[in-house]
Amino acid sequence: MDTNKMLDQFESFARDVMCWDDDEFRLALDGKSYYWASTGDAWVFWQASRESVEMHMPRRYTIDSFDGIVDSEEGHLVYAADVEAAIEVQGLRVKS
């Protein structure tokens, strides 16, 4: 997942669920890290929580078709790439 998208999700969660205000997201003088250590720590933990989750996509049994969904040449269902993309958008990794 894109770091900027992950950062947006973190800040949105902190605002909506934790009721943090804009001051919590003030940047330090370096313009890269958060001014408040608690916000910086929460951001590190948020990233680690996303990094630690990994989805394993199962292989499909070798059947020509299943309910009208045709296998690709690699043996995955044709929509597997869409499923993987949807998982990755949520900040999770897919392991093939």
PDB file of N, CA and C in Angstrom:
ATOM      1  N   MET A   1       0.833  -1.175   0.000  1.00  0.00           N
ATOM      2  CA  MET A   1       0.000   0.000   0.000  1.00  0.00           C
ATOM      3  C   MET A   1       0.879   1.241   0.000  1.00  0.00           C
ATOM      4  N   ASP A   2       0.410   2.228  -0.665  1.00  0.00           N
ATOM      5  CA  ASP A   2       1.069   3.530  -0.711  1.00  0.00           C
ATOM      6  C   ASP A   2       1.121   4.128   0.699  1.00  0.00           C
ATOM      7  N   THR A   3       2.282   4.643   1.091  1.00  0.00           N
ATOM      8  CA  THR A   3       2.453   5.211   2.432  1.00  0.00           C
ATOM      9  C   THR A   3       1.519   6.389   2.663  1.00  0.00           C
ATOM     10  N   ASN A   4       1.301   7.209   1.631  1.00  0.00           N
ATOM     11  CA  ASN A   4       0.396   8.353   1.782  1.00  0.00           C
ATOM     12  C   ASN A   4      -1.029   7.900   2.054  1.00  0.00           C
ATOM     13  N   LYS A   5      -1.456   6.829   1.382  1.00  0.00           N
ATOM     14  CA  LYS A   5      -2.805   6.306   1.610  1.00  0.00           C
ATOM     15  C   LYS A   5      -2.916   5.747   3.027  1.00  0.00           C
ATOM     16  N   MET A   6      -1.869   5.045   3.472  1.00  0.00           N
ATOM     17  CA  MET A   6      -1.868   4.502   4.824  1.00  0.00           C
ATOM     18  C   MET A   6      -1.913   5.633   5.857  1.00  0.00           C
ATOM     19  N   LEU A   7      -1.170   6.703   5.593  1.00  0.00           N
ATOM     20  CA  LEU A   7      -1.164   7.859   6.490  1.00  0.00           C
ATOM     21  C   LEU A   7      -2.547   8.500   6.549  1.00  0.00           C
ATOM     22  N   ASP A   8      -3.202   8.617   5.399  1.00  0.00           N
ATOM     23  CA  ASP A   8      -4.564   9.157   5.362  1.00  0.00           C
ATOM     24  C   ASP A   8      -5.513   8.304   6.196  1.00  0.00           C
ATOM     25  N   GLN A   9      -5.390   6.976   6.079  1.00  0.00           N
ATOM     26  CA  GLN A   9      -6.240   6.078   6.858  1.00  0.00           C
ATOM     27  C   GLN A   9      -5.970   6.234   8.354  1.00  0.00           C
ATOM     28  N   PHE A  10      -4.699   6.329   8.721  1.00  0.00           N
ATOM     29  CA  PHE A  10      -4.326   6.513  10.128  1.00  0.00           C
ATOM     30  C   PHE A  10      -4.932   7.798  10.685  1.00  0.00           C
ATOM     31  N   GLU A  11      -4.735   8.901   9.979  1.00  0.00           N
ATOM     32  CA  GLU A  11      -5.230  10.182  10.473  1.00  0.00           C
ATOM     33  C   GLU A  11      -6.753  10.218  10.503  1.00  0.00           C
ATOM     34  N   SER A  12      -7.384   9.609   9.521  1.00  0.00           N
ATOM     35  CA  SER A  12      -8.842   9.541   9.507  1.00  0.00           C
ATOM     36  C   SER A  12      -9.356   8.736  10.700  1.00  0.00           C
ATOM     37  N   PHE A  13      -8.725   7.604  10.971  1.00  0.00           N
ATOM     38  CA  PHE A  13      -9.099   6.783  12.121  1.00  0.00           C
ATOM     39  C   PHE A  13      -8.907   7.565  13.423  1.00  0.00           C
ATOM     40  N   ALA A  14      -7.765   8.222  13.552  1.00  0.00           N
ATOM     41  CA  ALA A  14      -7.469   8.963  14.782  1.00  0.00           C
ATOM     42  C   ALA A  14      -8.475  10.094  15.001  1.00  0.00           C
ATOM     43  N   ARG A  15      -8.875  10.761  13.930  1.00  0.00           N
ATOM     44  CA  ARG A  15      -9.857  11.841  14.054  1.00  0.00           C
ATOM     45  C   ARG A  15     -11.245  11.291  14.388  1.00  0.00           C
ATOM     46  N   ASP A  16     -11.667  10.267  13.637  1.00  0.00           N
ATOM     47  CA  ASP A  16     -13.034   9.757  13.767  1.00  0.00           C
ATOM     48  C   ASP A  16     -13.245   8.901  15.013  1.00  0.00           C
ATOM     49  N   VAL A  17     -12.292   8.053  15.323  1.00  0.00           N
ATOM     50  CA  VAL A  17     -12.466   7.104  16.423  1.00  0.00           C
ATOM     51  C   VAL A  17     -11.853   7.618  17.723  1.00  0.00           C
ATOM     52  N   MET A  18     -10.671   8.201  17.630  1.00  0.00           N
ATOM     53  CA  MET A  18      -9.970   8.664  18.827  1.00  0.00           C
ATOM     54  C   MET A  18     -10.303  10.122  19.168  1.00  0.00           C
ATOM     55  N   CYS A  19     -11.030  10.792  18.264  1.00  0.00           N
ATOM     56  CA  CYS A  19     -11.440  12.193  18.455  1.00  0.00           C
ATOM     57  C   CYS A  19     -10.247  13.143  18.586  1.00  0.00           C
ATOM     58  N   TRP A  20      -9.177  12.858  17.856  1.00  0.00           N
ATOM     59  CA  TRP A  20      -8.015  13.748  17.862  1.00  0.00           C
ATOM     60  C   TRP A  20      -8.323  14.975  17.009  1.00  0.00           C
ATOM     61  N   ASP A  21      -7.786  16.119  17.411  1.00  0.00           N
ATOM     62  CA  ASP A  21      -7.965  17.330  16.611  1.00  0.00           C
ATOM     63  C   ASP A  21      -6.709  17.589  15.778  1.00  0.00           C
ATOM     64  N   ASP A  22      -6.749  18.646  14.985  1.00  0.00           N
ATOM     65  CA  ASP A  22      -5.651  18.934  14.054  1.00  0.00           C
ATOM     66  C   ASP A  22      -4.305  19.123  14.747  1.00  0.00           C
ATOM     67  N   ASP A  23      -4.312  19.634  15.977  1.00  0.00           N
ATOM     68  CA  ASP A  23      -3.057  19.865  16.689  1.00  0.00           C
ATOM     69  C   ASP A  23      -2.287  18.562  16.917  1.00  0.00           C
ATOM     70  N   GLU A  24      -2.989  17.456  17.030  1.00  0.00           N
ATOM     71  CA  GLU A  24      -2.331  16.161  17.231  1.00  0.00           C
ATOM     72  C   GLU A  24      -1.452  15.781  16.038  1.00  0.00           C
ATOM     73  N   PHE A  25      -1.747  16.345  14.878  1.00  0.00           N
ATOM     74  CA  PHE A  25      -1.031  15.987  13.650  1.00  0.00           C
ATOM     75  C   PHE A  25      -0.020  17.050  13.229  1.00  0.00           C
ATOM     76  N   ARG A  26       0.275  17.973  14.139  1.00  0.00           N
ATOM     77  CA  ARG A  26       1.263  19.009  13.849  1.00  0.00           C
ATOM     78  C   ARG A  26       2.610  18.342  13.565  1.00  0.00           C
ATOM     79  N   LEU A  27       3.304  18.855  12.569  1.00  0.00           N
ATOM     80  CA  LEU A  27       4.603  18.290  12.211  1.00  0.00           C
ATOM     81  C   LEU A  27       5.726  18.964  12.988  1.00  0.00           C
ATOM     82  N   ALA A  28       6.786  18.233  13.203  1.00  0.00           N
ATOM     83  CA  ALA A  28       7.986  18.761  13.856  1.00  0.00           C
ATOM     84  C   ALA A  28       8.710  19.693  12.888  1.00  0.00           C
ATOM     85  N   LEU A  29       9.766  20.306  13.344  1.00  0.00           N
ATOM     86  CA  LEU A  29      10.515  21.250  12.511  1.00  0.00           C
ATOM     87  C   LEU A  29      11.094  20.601  11.258  1.00  0.00           C
ATOM     88  N   ASP A  30      11.365  19.306  11.307  1.00  0.00           N
ATOM     89  CA  ASP A  30      11.910  18.637  10.119  1.00  0.00           C
ATOM     90  C   ASP A  30      10.869  18.476   9.016  1.00  0.00           C
ATOM     91  N   GLY A  31       9.588  18.716   9.336  1.00  0.00           N
ATOM     92  CA  GLY A  31       8.524  18.627   8.347  1.00  0.00           C
ATOM     93  C   GLY A  31       8.147  17.217   7.950  1.00  0.00           C
ATOM     94  N   LYS A  32       8.740  16.225   8.601  1.00  0.00           N
ATOM     95  CA  LYS A  32       8.475  14.829   8.245  1.00  0.00           C
ATOM     96  C   LYS A  32       7.858  14.036   9.388  1.00  0.00           C
ATOM     97  N   SER A  33       8.312  14.285  10.589  1.00  0.00           N
ATOM     98  CA  SER A  33       7.809  13.532  11.741  1.00  0.00           C
ATOM     99  C   SER A  33       6.782  14.374  12.499  1.00  0.00           C
ATOM    100  N   TYR A  34       6.015  13.704  13.354  1.00  0.00           N
ATOM    101  CA  TYR A  34       5.022  14.414  14.156  1.00  0.00           C
ATOM    102  C   TYR A  34       5.690  15.134  15.324  1.00  0.00           C
ATOM    103  N   TYR A  35       5.144  16.281  15.684  1.00  0.00           N
ATOM    104  CA  TYR A  35       5.649  17.066  16.811  1.00  0.00           C
ATOM    105  C   TYR A  35       5.442  16.307  18.122  1.00  0.00           C
ATOM    106  N   TRP A  36       4.244  15.746  18.292  1.00  0.00           N
ATOM    107  CA  TRP A  36       3.912  15.025  19.521  1.00  0.00           C
ATOM    108  C   TRP A  36       4.408  13.588  19.435  1.00  0.00           C
ATOM    109  N   ALA A  37       5.167  13.166  20.448  1.00  0.00           N
ATOM    110  CA  ALA A  37       5.704  11.800  20.474  1.00  0.00           C
ATOM    111  C   ALA A  37       4.586  10.764  20.461  1.00  0.00           C
ATOM    112  N   SER A  38       3.482  11.048  21.131  1.00  0.00           N
ATOM    113  CA  SER A  38       2.380  10.078  21.179  1.00  0.00           C
ATOM    114  C   SER A  38       1.786   9.844  19.793  1.00  0.00           C
ATOM    115  N   THR A  39       1.712  10.896  18.982  1.00  0.00           N
ATOM    116  CA  THR A  39       1.209  10.744  17.619  1.00  0.00           C
ATOM    117  C   THR A  39       2.200   9.956  16.778  1.00  0.00           C
ATOM    118  N   GLY A  40       3.477  10.268  16.917  1.00  0.00           N
ATOM    119  CA  GLY A  40       4.507   9.525  16.195  1.00  0.00           C
ATOM    120  C   GLY A  40       4.513   8.055  16.571  1.00  0.00           C
ATOM    121  N   ASP A  41       4.355   7.776  17.861  1.00  0.00           N
ATOM    122  CA  ASP A  41       4.302   6.381  18.311  1.00  0.00           C
ATOM    123  C   ASP A  41       3.084   5.666  17.738  1.00  0.00           C
ATOM    124  N   ALA A  42       1.939   6.343  17.766  1.00  0.00           N
ATOM    125  CA  ALA A  42       0.720   5.739  17.221  1.00  0.00           C
ATOM    126  C   ALA A  42       0.883   5.439  15.730  1.00  0.00           C
ATOM    127  N   TRP A  43       1.539   6.333  15.001  1.00  0.00           N
ATOM    128  CA  TRP A  43       1.780   6.133  13.572  1.00  0.00           C
ATOM    129  C   TRP A  43       2.678   4.921  13.343  1.00  0.00           C
ATOM    130  N   VAL A  44       3.717   4.766  14.151  1.00  0.00           N
ATOM    131  CA  VAL A  44       4.610   3.601  14.037  1.00  0.00           C
ATOM    132  C   VAL A  44       3.829   2.317  14.297  1.00  0.00           C
ATOM    133  N   PHE A  45       2.991   2.325  15.331  1.00  0.00           N
ATOM    134  CA  PHE A  45       2.200   1.133  15.646  1.00  0.00           C
ATOM    135  C   PHE A  45       1.189   0.833  14.546  1.00  0.00           C
ATOM    136  N   TRP A  46       0.600   1.876  13.972  1.00  0.00           N
ATOM    137  CA  TRP A  46      -0.356   1.694  12.875  1.00  0.00           C
ATOM    138  C   TRP A  46       0.328   0.994  11.699  1.00  0.00           C
ATOM    139  N   GLN A  47       1.506   1.482  11.320  1.00  0.00           N
ATOM    140  CA  GLN A  47       2.242   0.869  10.213  1.00  0.00           C
ATOM    141  C   GLN A  47       2.588  -0.584  10.518  1.00  0.00           C
ATOM    142  N   ALA A  48       3.028  -0.844  11.734  1.00  0.00           N
ATOM    143  CA  ALA A  48       3.391  -2.211  12.123  1.00  0.00           C
ATOM    144  C   ALA A  48       2.177  -3.128  12.093  1.00  0.00           C
ATOM    145  N   SER A  49       1.025  -2.613  12.474  1.00  0.00           N
ATOM    146  CA  SER A  49      -0.181  -3.447  12.464  1.00  0.00           C
ATOM    147  C   SER A  49      -0.569  -3.831  11.045  1.00  0.00           C
ATOM    148  N   ARG A  50      -0.342  -2.939  10.102  1.00  0.00           N
ATOM    149  CA  ARG A  50      -0.651  -3.236   8.704  1.00  0.00           C
ATOM    150  C   ARG A  50       0.385  -4.178   8.104  1.00  0.00           C
ATOM    151  N   GLU A  51       1.626  -4.002   8.502  1.00  0.00           N
ATOM    152  CA  GLU A  51       2.714  -4.813   7.967  1.00  0.00           C
ATOM    153  C   GLU A  51       2.618  -6.260   8.435  1.00  0.00           C
ATOM    154  N   SER A  52       2.107  -6.464   9.631  1.00  0.00           N
ATOM    155  CA  SER A  52       2.101  -7.809  10.204  1.00  0.00           C
ATOM    156  C   SER A  52       0.989  -8.694   9.654  1.00  0.00           C
ATOM    157  N   VAL A  53      -0.013  -8.103   9.013  1.00  0.00           N
ATOM    158  CA  VAL A  53      -1.124  -8.890   8.473  1.00  0.00           C
ATOM    159  C   VAL A  53      -0.821  -9.243   7.025  1.00  0.00           C
ATOM    160  N   GLU A  54      -0.950 -10.502   6.719  1.00  0.00           N
ATOM    161  CA  GLU A  54      -0.660 -10.972   5.367  1.00  0.00           C
ATOM    162  C   GLU A  54      -1.731 -11.984   4.979  1.00  0.00           C
ATOM    163  N   MET A  55      -2.354 -11.791   3.844  1.00  0.00           N
ATOM    164  CA  MET A  55      -3.406 -12.681   3.358  1.00  0.00           C
ATOM    165  C   MET A  55      -2.802 -13.694   2.394  1.00  0.00           C
ATOM    166  N   HIS A  56      -3.103 -14.946   2.604  1.00  0.00           N
ATOM    167  CA  HIS A  56      -2.649 -15.999   1.700  1.00  0.00           C
ATOM    168  C   HIS A  56      -3.803 -16.366   0.774  1.00  0.00           C
ATOM    169  N   MET A  57      -3.572 -16.247  -0.527  1.00  0.00           N
ATOM    170  CA  MET A  57      -4.590 -16.585  -1.512  1.00  0.00           C
ATOM    171  C   MET A  57      -4.458 -18.062  -1.868  1.00  0.00           C
ATOM    172  N   PRO A  58      -5.518 -18.832  -1.695  1.00  0.00           N
ATOM    173  CA  PRO A  58      -5.437 -20.261  -2.012  1.00  0.00           C
ATOM    174  C   PRO A  58      -5.426 -20.508  -3.515  1.00  0.00           C
ATOM    175  N   ARG A  59      -4.816 -21.595  -3.886  1.00  0.00           N
ATOM    176  CA  ARG A  59      -4.855 -22.028  -5.285  1.00  0.00           C
ATOM    177  C   ARG A  59      -6.203 -22.692  -5.543  1.00  0.00           C
ATOM    178  N   ARG A  60      -6.666 -22.597  -6.745  1.00  0.00           N
ATOM    179  CA  ARG A  60      -7.948 -23.193  -7.132  1.00  0.00           C
ATOM    180  C   ARG A  60      -7.709 -24.615  -7.577  1.00  0.00           C
ATOM    181  N   TYR A  61      -8.652 -25.476  -7.280  1.00  0.00           N
ATOM    182  CA  TYR A  61      -8.585 -26.837  -7.802  1.00  0.00           C
ATOM    183  C   TYR A  61      -8.642 -26.801  -9.315  1.00  0.00           C
ATOM    184  N   THR A  62      -8.020 -27.746  -9.966  1.00  0.00           N
ATOM    185  CA  THR A  62      -7.970 -27.747 -11.429  1.00  0.00           C
ATOM    186  C   THR A  62      -9.273 -28.277 -12.012  1.00  0.00           C
ATOM    187  N   ILE A  63     -10.193 -27.375 -12.184  1.00  0.00           N
ATOM    188  CA  ILE A  63     -11.477 -27.652 -12.820  1.00  0.00           C
ATOM    189  C   ILE A  63     -11.608 -26.615 -13.928  1.00  0.00           C
ATOM    190  N   ASP A  64     -12.167 -27.005 -15.043  1.00  0.00           N
ATOM    191  CA  ASP A  64     -12.257 -26.075 -16.171  1.00  0.00           C
ATOM    192  C   ASP A  64     -13.080 -24.840 -15.840  1.00  0.00           C
ATOM    193  N   SER A  65     -14.141 -25.018 -15.124  1.00  0.00           N
ATOM    194  CA  SER A  65     -14.942 -23.857 -14.734  1.00  0.00           C
ATOM    195  C   SER A  65     -15.734 -24.196 -13.478  1.00  0.00           C
ATOM    196  N   PHE A  66     -16.175 -23.165 -12.804  1.00  0.00           N
ATOM    197  CA  PHE A  66     -16.955 -23.337 -11.587  1.00  0.00           C
ATOM    198  C   PHE A  66     -17.997 -22.239 -11.559  1.00  0.00           C
ATOM    199  N   ASP A  67     -19.253 -22.634 -11.670  1.00  0.00           N
ATOM    200  CA  ASP A  67     -20.347 -21.664 -11.685  1.00  0.00           C
ATOM    201  C   ASP A  67     -20.134 -20.552 -12.706  1.00  0.00           C
ATOM    202  N   GLY A  68     -19.623 -20.914 -13.853  1.00  0.00           N
ATOM    203  CA  GLY A  68     -19.446 -19.943 -14.919  1.00  0.00           C
ATOM    204  C   GLY A  68     -18.194 -19.105 -14.808  1.00  0.00           C
ATOM    205  N   ILE A  69     -17.362 -19.333 -13.799  1.00  0.00           N
ATOM    206  CA  ILE A  69     -16.118 -18.587 -13.656  1.00  0.00           C
ATOM    207  C   ILE A  69     -14.993 -19.464 -14.160  1.00  0.00           C
ATOM    208  N   VAL A  70     -14.293 -18.984 -15.151  1.00  0.00           N
ATOM    209  CA  VAL A  70     -13.288 -19.786 -15.841  1.00  0.00           C
ATOM    210  C   VAL A  70     -11.920 -19.571 -15.212  1.00  0.00           C
ATOM    211  N   ASP A  71     -11.129 -20.653 -15.172  1.00  0.00           N
ATOM    212  CA  ASP A  71      -9.758 -20.562 -14.676  1.00  0.00           C
ATOM    213  C   ASP A  71      -8.898 -19.768 -15.643  1.00  0.00           C
ATOM    214  N   SER A  72      -7.903 -19.112 -15.103  1.00  0.00           N
ATOM    215  CA  SER A  72      -6.875 -18.518 -15.939  1.00  0.00           C
ATOM    216  C   SER A  72      -5.830 -19.587 -16.211  1.00  0.00           C
ATOM    217  N   GLU A  73      -4.855 -19.284 -17.042  1.00  0.00           N
ATOM    218  CA  GLU A  73      -3.823 -20.265 -17.368  1.00  0.00           C
ATOM    219  C   GLU A  73      -3.007 -20.661 -16.147  1.00  0.00           C
ATOM    220  N   GLU A  74      -2.873 -19.771 -15.158  1.00  0.00           N
ATOM    221  CA  GLU A  74      -2.067 -20.053 -13.971  1.00  0.00           C
ATOM    222  C   GLU A  74      -2.809 -20.895 -12.946  1.00  0.00           C
ATOM    223  N   GLY A  75      -4.093 -21.174 -13.172  1.00  0.00           N
ATOM    224  CA  GLY A  75      -4.853 -21.967 -12.229  1.00  0.00           C
ATOM    225  C   GLY A  75      -5.599 -21.153 -11.187  1.00  0.00           C
ATOM    226  N   HIS A  76      -5.519 -19.826 -11.254  1.00  0.00           N
ATOM    227  CA  HIS A  76      -6.287 -18.971 -10.360  1.00  0.00           C
ATOM    228  C   HIS A  76      -7.628 -18.659 -11.015  1.00  0.00           C
ATOM    229  N   LEU A  77      -8.584 -18.308 -10.215  1.00  0.00           N
ATOM    230  CA  LEU A  77      -9.821 -17.794 -10.782  1.00  0.00           C
ATOM    231  C   LEU A  77      -9.526 -16.474 -11.474  1.00  0.00           C
ATOM    232  N   VAL A  78     -10.292 -16.173 -12.509  1.00  0.00           N
ATOM    233  CA  VAL A  78     -10.005 -14.976 -13.296  1.00  0.00           C
ATOM    234  C   VAL A  78     -10.130 -13.691 -12.482  1.00  0.00           C
ATOM    235  N   TYR A  79     -10.880 -13.700 -11.406  1.00  0.00           N
ATOM    236  CA  TYR A  79     -11.032 -12.481 -10.618  1.00  0.00           C
ATOM    237  C   TYR A  79     -10.027 -12.393  -9.469  1.00  0.00           C
ATOM    238  N   ALA A  80      -9.082 -13.319  -9.361  1.00  0.00           N
ATOM    239  CA  ALA A  80      -8.122 -13.325  -8.249  1.00  0.00           C
ATOM    240  C   ALA A  80      -7.345 -12.012  -8.163  1.00  0.00           C
ATOM    241  N   ALA A  81      -6.967 -11.436  -9.288  1.00  0.00           N
ATOM    242  CA  ALA A  81      -6.217 -10.171  -9.275  1.00  0.00           C
ATOM    243  C   ALA A  81      -7.052  -9.050  -8.659  1.00  0.00           C
ATOM    244  N   ASP A  82      -8.353  -9.048  -8.938  1.00  0.00           N
ATOM    245  CA  ASP A  82      -9.233  -8.039  -8.353  1.00  0.00           C
ATOM    246  C   ASP A  82      -9.350  -8.211  -6.841  1.00  0.00           C
ATOM    247  N   VAL A  83      -9.426  -9.468  -6.399  1.00  0.00           N
ATOM    248  CA  VAL A  83      -9.506  -9.748  -4.963  1.00  0.00           C
ATOM    249  C   VAL A  83      -8.216  -9.298  -4.280  1.00  0.00           C
ATOM    250  N   GLU A  84      -7.079  -9.630  -4.871  1.00  0.00           N
ATOM    251  CA  GLU A  84      -5.793  -9.223  -4.310  1.00  0.00           C
ATOM    252  C   GLU A  84      -5.687  -7.702  -4.235  1.00  0.00           C
ATOM    253  N   ALA A  85      -6.119  -7.011  -5.275  1.00  0.00           N
ATOM    254  CA  ALA A  85      -6.058  -5.546  -5.285  1.00  0.00           C
ATOM    255  C   ALA A  85      -6.941  -4.960  -4.185  1.00  0.00           C
ATOM    256  N   ALA A  86      -8.130  -5.531  -3.987  1.00  0.00           N
ATOM    257  CA  ALA A  86      -9.033  -5.041  -2.945  1.00  0.00           C
ATOM    258  C   ALA A  86      -8.437  -5.234  -1.557  1.00  0.00           C
ATOM    259  N   ILE A  87      -7.744  -6.338  -1.349  1.00  0.00           N
ATOM    260  CA  ILE A  87      -7.087  -6.591  -0.062  1.00  0.00           C
ATOM    261  C   ILE A  87      -5.955  -5.592   0.150  1.00  0.00           C
ATOM    262  N   GLU A  88      -5.156  -5.358  -0.886  1.00  0.00           N
ATOM    263  CA  GLU A  88      -4.021  -4.441  -0.774  1.00  0.00           C
ATOM    264  C   GLU A  88      -4.468  -3.005  -0.539  1.00  0.00           C
ATOM    265  N   VAL A  89      -5.608  -2.616  -1.101  1.00  0.00           N
ATOM    266  CA  VAL A  89      -6.132  -1.266  -0.889  1.00  0.00           C
ATOM    267  C   VAL A  89      -6.409  -1.030   0.597  1.00  0.00           C
ATOM    268  N   GLN A  90      -6.737  -2.083   1.319  1.00  0.00           N
ATOM    269  CA  GLN A  90      -6.997  -1.969   2.749  1.00  0.00           C
ATOM    270  C   GLN A  90      -5.721  -1.959   3.583  1.00  0.00           C
ATOM    271  N   GLY A  91      -4.579  -1.978   2.907  1.00  0.00           N
ATOM    272  CA  GLY A  91      -3.312  -1.897   3.618  1.00  0.00           C
ATOM    273  C   GLY A  91      -2.756  -3.233   4.051  1.00  0.00           C
ATOM    274  N   LEU A  92      -3.288  -4.311   3.501  1.00  0.00           N
ATOM    275  CA  LEU A  92      -2.829  -5.647   3.850  1.00  0.00           C
ATOM    276  C   LEU A  92      -2.016  -6.221   2.710  1.00  0.00           C
ATOM    277  N   ARG A  93      -1.095  -7.105   3.037  1.00  0.00           N
ATOM    278  CA  ARG A  93      -0.264  -7.732   2.009  1.00  0.00           C
ATOM    279  C   ARG A  93      -0.872  -9.058   1.589  1.00  0.00           C
ATOM    280  N   VAL A  94      -0.671  -9.393   0.325  1.00  0.00           N
ATOM    281  CA  VAL A  94      -1.131 -10.674  -0.218  1.00  0.00           C
ATOM    282  C   VAL A  94       0.091 -11.509  -0.537  1.00  0.00           C
ATOM    283  N   LYS A  95       0.115 -12.707   0.001  1.00  0.00           N
ATOM    284  CA  LYS A  95       1.212 -13.626  -0.279  1.00  0.00           C
ATOM    285  C   LYS A  95       0.688 -14.714  -1.197  1.00  0.00           C
ATOM    286  N   SER A  96       1.334 -14.868  -2.345  1.00  0.00           N
ATOM    287  CA  SER A  96       0.895 -15.869  -3.320  1.00  0.00           C
ATOM    288  C   SER A  96       1.407 -17.232  -2.951  1.00  0.00           C
TER     289      SER A  96
END
